[in-house]
Amino acid sequence: MDRIGERKVDSGQEDPHGAEPDVNVVTYDVRLGADNILDIFSGYDVILDGTDNFPTRYLVNDASLKLDIPVIHGSNLPLRRAGQCVHAHVGPCYRCQVPRAAPGRGLAPSCSEAGVLGVLPGIIGSIQAMETIKLLLGLGDLLVVALLAYDALEESLPHVSG
């Protein structure tokens, strides 16, 4: 509660070493855009996308494909109870799976308008973290040809083929 209203870049920098002393958090105090995304992403092994809007999500997708860096998208849908996770690199990318941009303004409520079930970002983030571990360590089956759509109320994890 004490971080409500705080900028994400500042909140992300606070005590990242509490759980893991070897974590090195690098922040970029800039708005991600077409003019800087390639420079920011260059040199990383994997991109975890937790962006909260469609234009930036498509920008992340396109930059990661151009740089040949795997990206694992995670988002919380404005339905209060749903989230999704997509691993795009070997299989269909985010733009392939969600080819149309966001609905026009006012046609669908945003997360800030409709709300998100409080535990949902943690669940989707944990799925993203597990996919990243699997990718980096070469373990298990990666989520590469599917969209994992988590429904918190139904406790279901259906895969939607790409």
N, C-alpha and C. Protein backbone atom coordinates (compact mmCIF):
# COMPACT_ATOMS: atom_id res chain seq x y z
N MET A 1 0.83 -1.20 0.00
CA MET A 1 0.00 0.00 0.00
C MET A 1 0.87 1.26 0.00
N ASP A 2 2.07 1.15 0.58
CA ASP A 2 2.90 2.34 0.68
C ASP A 2 3.52 2.75 -0.65
N ARG A 3 3.36 1.94 -1.70
CA ARG A 3 3.91 2.28 -3.01
C ARG A 3 2.85 2.75 -4.00
N ILE A 4 1.59 2.83 -3.58
CA ILE A 4 0.53 3.29 -4.48
C ILE A 4 0.85 4.70 -4.92
N GLY A 5 0.78 4.93 -6.21
CA GLY A 5 1.06 6.24 -6.78
C GLY A 5 2.53 6.46 -7.11
N GLU A 6 3.37 5.54 -6.69
CA GLU A 6 4.80 5.65 -6.97
C GLU A 6 5.06 5.21 -8.41
N ARG A 7 6.03 5.86 -9.05
CA ARG A 7 6.39 5.47 -10.41
C ARG A 7 6.96 4.05 -10.40
N LYS A 8 6.64 3.27 -11.42
CA LYS A 8 7.08 1.87 -11.48
C LYS A 8 8.60 1.76 -11.46
N VAL A 9 9.28 2.67 -12.15
CA VAL A 9 10.74 2.61 -12.19
C VAL A 9 11.33 2.81 -10.80
N ASP A 10 10.70 3.62 -9.98
CA ASP A 10 11.19 3.84 -8.61
C ASP A 10 10.83 2.66 -7.71
N SER A 11 9.61 2.15 -7.84
CA SER A 11 9.18 1.03 -7.02
C SER A 11 10.01 -0.22 -7.29
N GLY A 12 10.35 -0.44 -8.56
CA GLY A 12 11.12 -1.61 -8.94
C GLY A 12 12.54 -1.59 -8.41
N GLN A 13 13.03 -0.42 -8.08
CA GLN A 13 14.41 -0.28 -7.59
C GLN A 13 14.50 -0.49 -6.08
N GLU A 14 13.37 -0.44 -5.38
CA GLU A 14 13.37 -0.55 -3.92
C GLU A 14 13.64 -1.97 -3.46
N ASP A 15 14.68 -2.15 -2.70
CA ASP A 15 15.05 -3.40 -2.04
C ASP A 15 14.88 -4.66 -2.89
N PRO A 16 15.47 -4.68 -4.10
CA PRO A 16 15.38 -5.90 -4.89
C PRO A 16 16.25 -7.02 -4.33
N HIS A 17 17.16 -6.68 -3.43
CA HIS A 17 18.10 -7.67 -2.90
C HIS A 17 17.56 -8.39 -1.67
N GLY A 18 16.38 -8.04 -1.21
CA GLY A 18 15.82 -8.68 -0.03
C GLY A 18 15.66 -10.18 -0.20
N ALA A 19 15.18 -10.61 -1.35
CA ALA A 19 14.95 -12.04 -1.58
C ALA A 19 16.15 -12.72 -2.22
N GLU A 20 16.92 -11.99 -3.01
CA GLU A 20 18.04 -12.60 -3.74
C GLU A 20 19.18 -11.59 -3.84
N PRO A 21 20.25 -11.80 -3.10
CA PRO A 21 21.34 -10.83 -3.09
C PRO A 21 22.09 -10.71 -4.42
N ASP A 22 21.98 -11.69 -5.32
CA ASP A 22 22.69 -11.64 -6.59
C ASP A 22 21.90 -10.95 -7.70
N VAL A 23 20.72 -10.45 -7.38
CA VAL A 23 19.90 -9.77 -8.38
C VAL A 23 20.46 -8.37 -8.63
N ASN A 24 20.60 -8.04 -9.90
CA ASN A 24 21.04 -6.71 -10.29
C ASN A 24 19.91 -6.06 -11.07
N VAL A 25 19.24 -5.11 -10.47
CA VAL A 25 18.13 -4.43 -11.12
C VAL A 25 18.66 -3.21 -11.87
N VAL A 26 18.39 -3.18 -13.17
CA VAL A 26 18.77 -2.05 -14.01
C VAL A 26 17.49 -1.34 -14.42
N THR A 27 17.39 -0.08 -14.13
CA THR A 27 16.18 0.66 -14.49
C THR A 27 16.52 1.69 -15.57
N TYR A 28 15.51 2.01 -16.34
CA TYR A 28 15.63 3.03 -17.38
C TYR A 28 14.54 4.05 -17.11
N ASP A 29 14.93 5.22 -16.71
CA ASP A 29 13.97 6.26 -16.37
C ASP A 29 13.58 7.06 -17.62
N VAL A 30 13.07 6.33 -18.60
CA VAL A 30 12.62 6.92 -19.86
C VAL A 30 11.34 6.21 -20.28
N ARG A 31 10.59 6.85 -21.12
CA ARG A 31 9.42 6.21 -21.70
C ARG A 31 9.90 5.35 -22.86
N LEU A 32 9.55 4.08 -22.85
CA LEU A 32 9.96 3.15 -23.89
C LEU A 32 9.29 3.54 -25.20
N GLY A 33 10.08 3.71 -26.23
CA GLY A 33 9.52 4.11 -27.52
C GLY A 33 10.35 3.57 -28.66
N ALA A 34 9.87 3.80 -29.87
CA ALA A 34 10.56 3.32 -31.06
C ALA A 34 11.97 3.90 -31.17
N ASP A 35 12.19 5.07 -30.59
CA ASP A 35 13.48 5.73 -30.68
C ASP A 35 14.54 5.17 -29.73
N ASN A 36 14.13 4.38 -28.71
CA ASN A 36 15.13 3.90 -27.75
C ASN A 36 15.06 2.41 -27.44
N ILE A 37 14.03 1.72 -27.91
CA ILE A 37 13.81 0.34 -27.50
C ILE A 37 14.93 -0.61 -27.94
N LEU A 38 15.46 -0.42 -29.14
CA LEU A 38 16.51 -1.32 -29.62
C LEU A 38 17.77 -1.16 -28.78
N ASP A 39 18.12 0.06 -28.42
CA ASP A 39 19.29 0.30 -27.57
C ASP A 39 19.09 -0.29 -26.18
N ILE A 40 17.90 -0.14 -25.63
CA ILE A 40 17.62 -0.65 -24.28
C ILE A 40 17.64 -2.18 -24.27
N PHE A 41 17.06 -2.82 -25.26
CA PHE A 41 16.96 -4.28 -25.28
C PHE A 41 18.26 -4.98 -25.68
N SER A 42 19.11 -4.30 -26.43
CA SER A 42 20.35 -4.93 -26.91
C SER A 42 21.19 -5.46 -25.76
N GLY A 43 21.68 -6.68 -25.91
CA GLY A 43 22.56 -7.26 -24.92
C GLY A 43 21.88 -8.14 -23.88
N TYR A 44 20.55 -8.17 -23.88
CA TYR A 44 19.85 -9.02 -22.92
C TYR A 44 19.57 -10.39 -23.54
N ASP A 45 19.46 -11.41 -22.69
CA ASP A 45 19.21 -12.78 -23.15
C ASP A 45 17.72 -13.07 -23.34
N VAL A 46 16.89 -12.41 -22.57
CA VAL A 46 15.44 -12.62 -22.64
C VAL A 46 14.76 -11.34 -22.14
N ILE A 47 13.60 -11.06 -22.69
CA ILE A 47 12.82 -9.90 -22.28
C ILE A 47 11.54 -10.41 -21.61
N LEU A 48 11.24 -9.92 -20.42
CA LEU A 48 9.97 -10.20 -19.76
C LEU A 48 9.11 -8.96 -19.91
N ASP A 49 7.99 -9.11 -20.57
CA ASP A 49 7.12 -7.97 -20.87
C ASP A 49 5.94 -7.96 -19.92
N GLY A 50 5.87 -6.95 -19.11
CA GLY A 50 4.74 -6.75 -18.22
C GLY A 50 4.07 -5.42 -18.50
N THR A 51 4.19 -4.95 -19.74
CA THR A 51 3.62 -3.64 -20.08
C THR A 51 2.10 -3.66 -19.94
N ASP A 52 1.54 -2.49 -19.76
CA ASP A 52 0.12 -2.40 -19.45
C ASP A 52 -0.71 -1.76 -20.55
N ASN A 53 -0.19 -1.75 -21.79
CA ASN A 53 -0.99 -1.22 -22.89
C ASN A 53 -0.58 -1.90 -24.19
N PHE A 54 -1.52 -1.96 -25.11
CA PHE A 54 -1.30 -2.68 -26.37
C PHE A 54 -0.20 -2.07 -27.23
N PRO A 55 -0.16 -0.77 -27.45
CA PRO A 55 0.89 -0.23 -28.32
C PRO A 55 2.30 -0.59 -27.84
N THR A 56 2.54 -0.51 -26.54
CA THR A 56 3.86 -0.84 -26.02
C THR A 56 4.12 -2.33 -26.12
N ARG A 57 3.11 -3.15 -25.89
CA ARG A 57 3.27 -4.59 -26.01
C ARG A 57 3.66 -4.98 -27.44
N TYR A 58 3.02 -4.36 -28.44
CA TYR A 58 3.39 -4.62 -29.83
C TYR A 58 4.81 -4.11 -30.12
N LEU A 59 5.18 -2.98 -29.57
CA LEU A 59 6.52 -2.43 -29.74
C LEU A 59 7.57 -3.38 -29.16
N VAL A 60 7.31 -3.91 -27.96
CA VAL A 60 8.21 -4.88 -27.33
C VAL A 60 8.33 -6.13 -28.20
N ASN A 61 7.20 -6.62 -28.67
CA ASN A 61 7.18 -7.80 -29.54
C ASN A 61 8.05 -7.58 -30.77
N ASP A 62 7.83 -6.47 -31.46
CA ASP A 62 8.52 -6.22 -32.72
C ASP A 62 10.03 -6.03 -32.50
N ALA A 63 10.40 -5.33 -31.44
CA ALA A 63 11.82 -5.11 -31.14
C ALA A 63 12.51 -6.42 -30.79
N SER A 64 11.85 -7.26 -30.01
CA SER A 64 12.47 -8.52 -29.62
C SER A 64 12.67 -9.43 -30.84
N LEU A 65 11.73 -9.39 -31.77
CA LEU A 65 11.89 -10.18 -33.00
C LEU A 65 13.04 -9.63 -33.85
N LYS A 66 13.12 -8.31 -33.96
CA LYS A 66 14.18 -7.68 -34.75
C LYS A 66 15.56 -8.00 -34.16
N LEU A 67 15.66 -8.02 -32.82
CA LEU A 67 16.93 -8.29 -32.15
C LEU A 67 17.17 -9.78 -31.92
N ASP A 68 16.19 -10.62 -32.26
CA ASP A 68 16.28 -12.06 -32.06
C ASP A 68 16.49 -12.41 -30.58
N ILE A 69 15.71 -11.75 -29.74
CA ILE A 69 15.74 -12.00 -28.29
C ILE A 69 14.37 -12.55 -27.90
N PRO A 70 14.33 -13.68 -27.21
CA PRO A 70 13.03 -14.21 -26.77
C PRO A 70 12.33 -13.22 -25.84
N VAL A 71 11.01 -13.15 -25.97
CA VAL A 71 10.22 -12.30 -25.08
C VAL A 71 9.10 -13.14 -24.49
N ILE A 72 8.87 -12.95 -23.22
CA ILE A 72 7.78 -13.64 -22.52
C ILE A 72 6.82 -12.56 -22.06
N HIS A 73 5.67 -12.52 -22.71
CA HIS A 73 4.65 -11.51 -22.40
C HIS A 73 3.77 -12.00 -21.25
N GLY A 74 3.42 -11.12 -20.38
CA GLY A 74 2.45 -11.42 -19.34
C GLY A 74 1.57 -10.20 -19.15
N SER A 75 0.29 -10.41 -19.06
CA SER A 75 -0.59 -9.27 -18.85
C SER A 75 -1.80 -9.69 -18.04
N ASN A 76 -2.39 -8.71 -17.40
CA ASN A 76 -3.61 -8.90 -16.63
C ASN A 76 -4.73 -8.25 -17.40
N LEU A 77 -5.70 -9.05 -17.73
CA LEU A 77 -6.80 -8.55 -18.54
C LEU A 77 -7.80 -7.81 -17.67
N PRO A 78 -8.43 -6.79 -18.23
CA PRO A 78 -9.37 -5.99 -17.45
C PRO A 78 -10.69 -6.70 -17.22
N LEU A 79 -10.61 -7.90 -16.68
CA LEU A 79 -11.81 -8.66 -16.36
C LEU A 79 -11.82 -9.01 -14.88
N ARG A 80 -10.90 -8.42 -14.14
CA ARG A 80 -10.76 -8.61 -12.71
C ARG A 80 -10.21 -9.98 -12.32
N ARG A 81 -10.20 -10.96 -13.22
CA ARG A 81 -9.85 -12.30 -12.80
C ARG A 81 -8.98 -13.05 -13.79
N ALA A 82 -8.58 -12.44 -14.89
CA ALA A 82 -7.89 -13.18 -15.93
C ALA A 82 -6.53 -12.57 -16.24
N GLY A 83 -5.64 -13.42 -16.69
CA GLY A 83 -4.33 -12.98 -17.13
C GLY A 83 -3.87 -13.88 -18.24
N GLN A 84 -2.82 -13.47 -18.92
CA GLN A 84 -2.32 -14.28 -20.01
C GLN A 84 -0.81 -14.25 -20.02
N CYS A 85 -0.23 -15.29 -20.57
CA CYS A 85 1.21 -15.38 -20.71
C CYS A 85 1.51 -16.00 -22.07
N VAL A 86 2.40 -15.38 -22.80
CA VAL A 86 2.80 -15.84 -24.12
C VAL A 86 4.32 -15.82 -24.18
N HIS A 87 4.91 -16.88 -24.68
CA HIS A 87 6.35 -16.91 -24.94
C HIS A 87 6.50 -16.81 -26.44
N ALA A 88 7.10 -15.75 -26.90
CA ALA A 88 7.23 -15.55 -28.34
C ALA A 88 8.70 -15.52 -28.72
N HIS A 89 9.06 -16.43 -29.56
CA HIS A 89 10.40 -16.44 -30.14
C HIS A 89 10.48 -17.59 -31.13
N VAL A 90 10.30 -18.78 -30.62
CA VAL A 90 10.33 -19.96 -31.48
C VAL A 90 8.96 -20.15 -32.13
N GLY A 91 7.91 -19.92 -31.36
CA GLY A 91 6.56 -20.08 -31.87
C GLY A 91 5.99 -18.75 -32.32
N PRO A 92 4.68 -18.68 -32.46
CA PRO A 92 4.03 -17.44 -32.89
C PRO A 92 4.30 -16.30 -31.90
N CYS A 93 4.51 -15.12 -32.42
CA CYS A 93 4.76 -13.96 -31.57
C CYS A 93 3.44 -13.38 -31.08
N TYR A 94 3.54 -12.36 -30.23
CA TYR A 94 2.34 -11.74 -29.68
C TYR A 94 1.47 -11.16 -30.79
N ARG A 95 2.09 -10.49 -31.74
CA ARG A 95 1.34 -9.89 -32.84
C ARG A 95 0.64 -10.97 -33.68
N CYS A 96 1.26 -12.17 -33.78
CA CYS A 96 0.63 -13.29 -34.50
C CYS A 96 -0.60 -13.79 -33.75
N GLN A 97 -0.50 -13.84 -32.42
CA GLN A 97 -1.59 -14.38 -31.62
C GLN A 97 -2.68 -13.35 -31.35
N VAL A 98 -2.30 -12.08 -31.29
CA VAL A 98 -3.26 -11.01 -31.05
C VAL A 98 -3.04 -9.99 -32.17
N PRO A 99 -3.53 -10.31 -33.39
CA PRO A 99 -3.19 -9.49 -34.55
C PRO A 99 -3.83 -8.11 -34.60
N ARG A 100 -4.90 -7.93 -33.89
CA ARG A 100 -5.57 -6.63 -33.92
C ARG A 100 -5.18 -5.82 -32.70
N ALA A 101 -5.03 -4.55 -32.90
CA ALA A 101 -4.71 -3.65 -31.80
C ALA A 101 -5.87 -3.61 -30.82
N ALA A 102 -5.68 -2.93 -29.76
CA ALA A 102 -6.68 -2.82 -28.70
C ALA A 102 -7.99 -2.28 -29.24
N PRO A 103 -9.09 -2.62 -28.56
CA PRO A 103 -10.37 -2.03 -28.95
C PRO A 103 -10.31 -0.51 -28.81
N GLY A 104 -11.14 0.17 -29.58
CA GLY A 104 -11.16 1.63 -29.51
C GLY A 104 -11.48 2.13 -28.11
N ARG A 105 -11.06 3.34 -27.84
CA ARG A 105 -11.28 3.95 -26.54
C ARG A 105 -12.75 3.87 -26.15
N GLY A 106 -13.00 3.39 -24.94
CA GLY A 106 -14.35 3.31 -24.42
C GLY A 106 -15.07 2.02 -24.76
N LEU A 107 -14.51 1.20 -25.66
CA LEU A 107 -15.19 -0.04 -26.03
C LEU A 107 -14.93 -1.18 -25.05
N ALA A 108 -13.83 -1.11 -24.34
CA ALA A 108 -13.51 -2.12 -23.33
C ALA A 108 -12.87 -1.40 -22.15
N PRO A 109 -13.25 -1.75 -20.94
CA PRO A 109 -12.69 -1.04 -19.79
C PRO A 109 -11.22 -1.39 -19.60
N SER A 110 -10.45 -0.42 -19.14
CA SER A 110 -9.05 -0.66 -18.83
C SER A 110 -8.95 -1.33 -17.47
N CYS A 111 -7.77 -1.81 -17.14
CA CYS A 111 -7.56 -2.42 -15.83
C CYS A 111 -7.82 -1.41 -14.72
N SER A 112 -7.46 -0.15 -14.95
CA SER A 112 -7.69 0.86 -13.92
C SER A 112 -9.18 1.14 -13.73
N GLU A 113 -9.97 0.94 -14.78
CA GLU A 113 -11.42 1.14 -14.68
C GLU A 113 -12.12 -0.09 -14.12
N ALA A 114 -11.77 -1.26 -14.63
CA ALA A 114 -12.46 -2.50 -14.23
C ALA A 114 -11.81 -3.16 -13.03
N GLY A 115 -10.54 -2.89 -12.83
CA GLY A 115 -9.81 -3.49 -11.72
C GLY A 115 -9.22 -4.84 -12.10
N VAL A 116 -8.29 -5.28 -11.28
CA VAL A 116 -7.64 -6.57 -11.45
C VAL A 116 -7.62 -7.24 -10.09
N LEU A 117 -7.97 -8.50 -10.04
CA LEU A 117 -7.90 -9.27 -8.81
C LEU A 117 -6.48 -9.18 -8.26
N GLY A 118 -6.33 -8.80 -7.01
CA GLY A 118 -5.04 -8.47 -6.43
C GLY A 118 -3.93 -9.50 -6.59
N VAL A 119 -4.25 -10.78 -6.53
CA VAL A 119 -3.21 -11.81 -6.63
C VAL A 119 -2.80 -12.09 -8.08
N LEU A 120 -3.59 -11.64 -9.02
CA LEU A 120 -3.37 -11.98 -10.41
C LEU A 120 -2.00 -11.55 -10.95
N PRO A 121 -1.54 -10.32 -10.73
CA PRO A 121 -0.22 -9.96 -11.24
C PRO A 121 0.89 -10.88 -10.71
N GLY A 122 0.78 -11.31 -9.46
CA GLY A 122 1.77 -12.23 -8.91
C GLY A 122 1.74 -13.59 -9.56
N ILE A 123 0.54 -14.08 -9.87
CA ILE A 123 0.40 -15.38 -10.52
C ILE A 123 0.98 -15.33 -11.93
N ILE A 124 0.59 -14.31 -12.69
CA ILE A 124 1.09 -14.19 -14.07
C ILE A 124 2.60 -13.95 -14.05
N GLY A 125 3.08 -13.13 -13.12
CA GLY A 125 4.52 -12.89 -13.00
C GLY A 125 5.28 -14.16 -12.65
N SER A 126 4.70 -15.00 -11.80
CA SER A 126 5.33 -16.28 -11.45
C SER A 126 5.41 -17.21 -12.66
N ILE A 127 4.35 -17.21 -13.48
CA ILE A 127 4.36 -18.02 -14.70
C ILE A 127 5.45 -17.50 -15.64
N GLN A 128 5.56 -16.18 -15.77
CA GLN A 128 6.62 -15.60 -16.60
C GLN A 128 7.99 -16.00 -16.06
N ALA A 129 8.17 -15.93 -14.75
CA ALA A 129 9.46 -16.29 -14.15
C ALA A 129 9.80 -17.75 -14.43
N MET A 130 8.81 -18.64 -14.32
CA MET A 130 9.06 -20.05 -14.58
C MET A 130 9.42 -20.28 -16.04
N GLU A 131 8.72 -19.63 -16.95
CA GLU A 131 9.05 -19.75 -18.37
C GLU A 131 10.47 -19.27 -18.64
N THR A 132 10.88 -18.20 -17.96
CA THR A 132 12.23 -17.66 -18.13
C THR A 132 13.27 -18.65 -17.62
N ILE A 133 13.03 -19.22 -16.47
CA ILE A 133 13.96 -20.22 -15.92
C ILE A 133 14.07 -21.41 -16.86
N LYS A 134 12.93 -21.89 -17.36
CA LYS A 134 12.95 -23.02 -18.29
C LYS A 134 13.74 -22.67 -19.55
N LEU A 135 13.52 -21.47 -20.07
CA LEU A 135 14.21 -21.03 -21.27
C LEU A 135 15.73 -20.95 -21.04
N LEU A 136 16.14 -20.27 -19.99
CA LEU A 136 17.56 -20.05 -19.74
C LEU A 136 18.31 -21.33 -19.38
N LEU A 137 17.63 -22.25 -18.70
CA LEU A 137 18.28 -23.48 -18.28
C LEU A 137 18.01 -24.66 -19.21
N GLY A 138 17.17 -24.44 -20.23
CA GLY A 138 16.86 -25.51 -21.17
C GLY A 138 16.08 -26.65 -20.53
N LEU A 139 15.14 -26.31 -19.67
CA LEU A 139 14.35 -27.32 -18.95
C LEU A 139 12.92 -27.37 -19.45
N GLY A 140 12.34 -28.55 -19.45
CA GLY A 140 10.90 -28.71 -19.70
C GLY A 140 10.46 -28.22 -21.06
N ASP A 141 9.15 -28.16 -21.21
CA ASP A 141 8.53 -27.70 -22.45
C ASP A 141 8.18 -26.23 -22.31
N LEU A 142 8.63 -25.44 -23.25
CA LEU A 142 8.34 -24.01 -23.23
C LEU A 142 6.96 -23.72 -23.80
N LEU A 143 6.39 -22.65 -23.36
CA LEU A 143 5.10 -22.18 -23.84
C LEU A 143 5.36 -21.39 -25.12
N VAL A 144 5.59 -22.09 -26.23
CA VAL A 144 5.99 -21.41 -27.46
C VAL A 144 4.93 -21.39 -28.55
N VAL A 145 3.96 -22.22 -28.49
CA VAL A 145 2.96 -22.25 -29.55
C VAL A 145 1.57 -22.07 -28.95
N ALA A 146 1.51 -21.37 -27.86
CA ALA A 146 0.21 -21.22 -27.21
C ALA A 146 0.14 -19.96 -26.38
N LEU A 147 -1.05 -19.53 -26.18
CA LEU A 147 -1.36 -18.46 -25.26
C LEU A 147 -1.92 -19.13 -24.02
N LEU A 148 -1.32 -18.89 -22.89
CA LEU A 148 -1.82 -19.45 -21.65
C LEU A 148 -2.74 -18.40 -21.03
N ALA A 149 -4.00 -18.70 -20.95
CA ALA A 149 -4.97 -17.74 -20.43
C ALA A 149 -5.46 -18.24 -19.08
N TYR A 150 -5.02 -17.62 -18.02
CA TYR A 150 -5.35 -18.05 -16.67
C TYR A 150 -6.64 -17.39 -16.20
N ASP A 151 -7.57 -18.20 -15.73
CA ASP A 151 -8.82 -17.70 -15.17
C ASP A 151 -8.79 -17.99 -13.67
N ALA A 152 -8.63 -16.95 -12.88
CA ALA A 152 -8.46 -17.10 -11.44
C ALA A 152 -9.69 -17.69 -10.75
N LEU A 153 -10.88 -17.34 -11.18
CA LEU A 153 -12.08 -17.84 -10.52
C LEU A 153 -12.33 -19.31 -10.83
N GLU A 154 -11.99 -19.72 -12.03
CA GLU A 154 -12.17 -21.12 -12.42
C GLU A 154 -10.93 -21.96 -12.13
N GLU A 155 -9.81 -21.29 -11.76
CA GLU A 155 -8.54 -21.97 -11.57
C GLU A 155 -8.19 -22.82 -12.78
N SER A 156 -8.39 -22.24 -13.95
CA SER A 156 -8.11 -22.98 -15.18
C SER A 156 -6.98 -22.32 -15.95
N LEU A 157 -6.23 -23.15 -16.68
CA LEU A 157 -5.10 -22.68 -17.47
C LEU A 157 -5.19 -23.21 -18.90
N PRO A 158 -6.20 -22.81 -19.64
CA PRO A 158 -6.32 -23.33 -21.00
C PRO A 158 -5.24 -22.74 -21.91
N HIS A 159 -4.73 -23.57 -22.81
CA HIS A 159 -3.80 -23.13 -23.82
C HIS A 159 -4.60 -22.86 -25.09
N VAL A 160 -4.35 -21.74 -25.72
CA VAL A 160 -4.98 -21.42 -26.98
C VAL A 160 -3.88 -21.49 -28.03
N SER A 161 -4.00 -22.42 -28.97
CA SER A 161 -2.96 -22.59 -29.98
C SER A 161 -2.80 -21.35 -30.83
N GLY A 162 -1.57 -21.11 -31.23
CA GLY A 162 -1.24 -19.94 -32.04
C GLY A 162 -1.34 -20.21 -33.50
